[in-house]
Amino acid sequence: MSIEQEVLEREYELMLTHLEIRSEGKHFSLEDIEQEFAHLLVYQGQDWVGRGEIKNAEIQGHVYAYQVFLKRYKDAHPELLSTAQH
């Protein structure tokens, strides 16, 4: 396994665990998570010269974690979706 793959997998697991722990908190907000994800995607798209493959792997691991977390959370809490949609 390449170092990039190891970093991606490690960062994915760490971020997914972090998001799951946050979701159990008293002040958890799905909207906050969705906004963080949107900002993360902007950051990911700003592929600055010199960032490097390892940093890109780290960011990609975070993106995957947010995607998986949001899907799982919304699937587990369908009642929240009807009130969150405008």
Protein backbone atom coordinates (compact mmCIF):
# COMPACT_ATOMS: atom_id res chain seq x y z
CA MET A 1 0.00 0.00 0.00
CA SER A 2 1.33 3.45 -0.89
CA ILE A 3 1.89 6.15 1.70
CA GLU A 4 -0.84 8.20 0.01
CA GLN A 5 -3.35 5.36 0.44
CA GLU A 6 -2.32 4.89 4.06
CA VAL A 7 -2.81 8.60 4.77
CA LEU A 8 -6.17 8.66 2.98
CA GLU A 9 -7.46 5.67 4.95
CA ARG A 10 -6.13 6.95 8.28
CA GLU A 11 -7.58 10.43 7.79
CA TYR A 12 -10.91 8.98 6.64
CA GLU A 13 -11.21 6.87 9.79
CA LEU A 14 -10.12 9.69 12.10
CA MET A 15 -12.51 12.22 10.58
CA LEU A 16 -15.43 9.79 10.46
CA THR A 17 -14.91 8.98 14.15
CA HIS A 18 -14.65 12.69 14.94
CA LEU A 19 -17.92 13.44 13.14
CA GLU A 20 -19.70 10.54 14.84
CA ILE A 21 -18.58 11.75 18.27
CA ARG A 22 -19.68 15.30 17.46
CA SER A 23 -23.09 14.06 16.35
CA GLU A 24 -23.71 12.73 19.85
CA GLY A 25 -23.09 16.14 21.43
CA LYS A 26 -25.73 18.40 22.83
CA HIS A 27 -25.05 21.24 20.40
CA PHE A 28 -24.72 19.16 17.23
CA SER A 29 -25.99 20.81 14.07
CA LEU A 30 -26.36 19.02 10.76
CA GLU A 31 -26.30 22.40 9.06
CA ASP A 32 -22.85 23.08 10.56
CA ILE A 33 -21.56 19.79 9.19
CA GLU A 34 -23.00 20.52 5.75
CA GLN A 35 -21.38 23.97 5.74
CA GLU A 36 -18.03 22.52 6.83
CA PHE A 37 -18.29 19.99 4.01
CA ALA A 38 -19.00 22.76 1.48
CA HIS A 39 -15.93 24.66 2.66
CA LEU A 40 -13.84 21.49 2.54
CA LEU A 41 -14.82 20.99 -1.10
CA VAL A 42 -13.72 24.55 -1.90
CA TYR A 43 -10.42 23.92 -0.12
CA GLN A 44 -9.98 20.67 -2.00
CA GLY A 45 -10.51 22.49 -5.29
CA GLN A 46 -7.81 25.01 -4.48
CA ASP A 47 -5.05 22.63 -5.49
CA TRP A 48 -2.17 24.95 -4.79
CA VAL A 49 1.12 24.18 -6.40
CA GLY A 50 3.32 22.46 -3.90
CA ARG A 51 0.54 20.99 -1.76
CA GLY A 52 1.73 17.51 -2.61
CA GLU A 53 0.16 14.11 -2.96
CA ILE A 54 0.17 13.33 0.76
CA LYS A 55 -1.78 16.48 1.65
CA ASN A 56 -4.18 15.79 -1.21
CA ALA A 57 -4.71 12.27 0.17
CA GLU A 58 -5.42 13.72 3.62
CA ILE A 59 -8.00 16.13 2.22
CA GLN A 60 -9.60 13.38 0.12
CA GLY A 61 -9.91 11.19 3.22
CA HIS A 62 -11.77 14.02 4.94
CA VAL A 63 -14.07 14.49 1.95
CA TYR A 64 -14.94 10.79 1.94
CA ALA A 65 -15.61 10.87 5.69
CA TYR A 66 -17.98 13.83 5.39
CA GLN A 67 -19.81 12.17 2.49
CA VAL A 68 -20.24 8.90 4.35
CA PHE A 69 -21.18 10.59 7.62
CA LEU A 70 -23.82 12.80 5.99
CA LYS A 71 -25.35 9.85 4.13
CA ARG A 72 -25.47 7.66 7.23
CA TYR A 73 -26.78 10.44 9.46
CA LYS A 74 -29.55 11.42 7.05
CA ASP A 75 -30.52 7.78 6.54
CA ALA A 76 -30.70 7.27 10.32
CA HIS A 77 -32.64 10.51 10.95
CA PRO A 78 -35.14 10.94 8.09
CA GLU A 79 -37.37 13.07 10.32
CA LEU A 80 -34.72 15.82 10.30
CA LEU A 81 -34.69 16.07 6.54
CA SER A 82 -38.26 17.24 6.17
CA THR A 83 -37.69 20.12 8.59
CA ALA A 84 -34.30 21.04 7.11
CA GLN A 85 -35.53 21.39 3.55
CA HIS A 86 -36.99 24.74 2.50
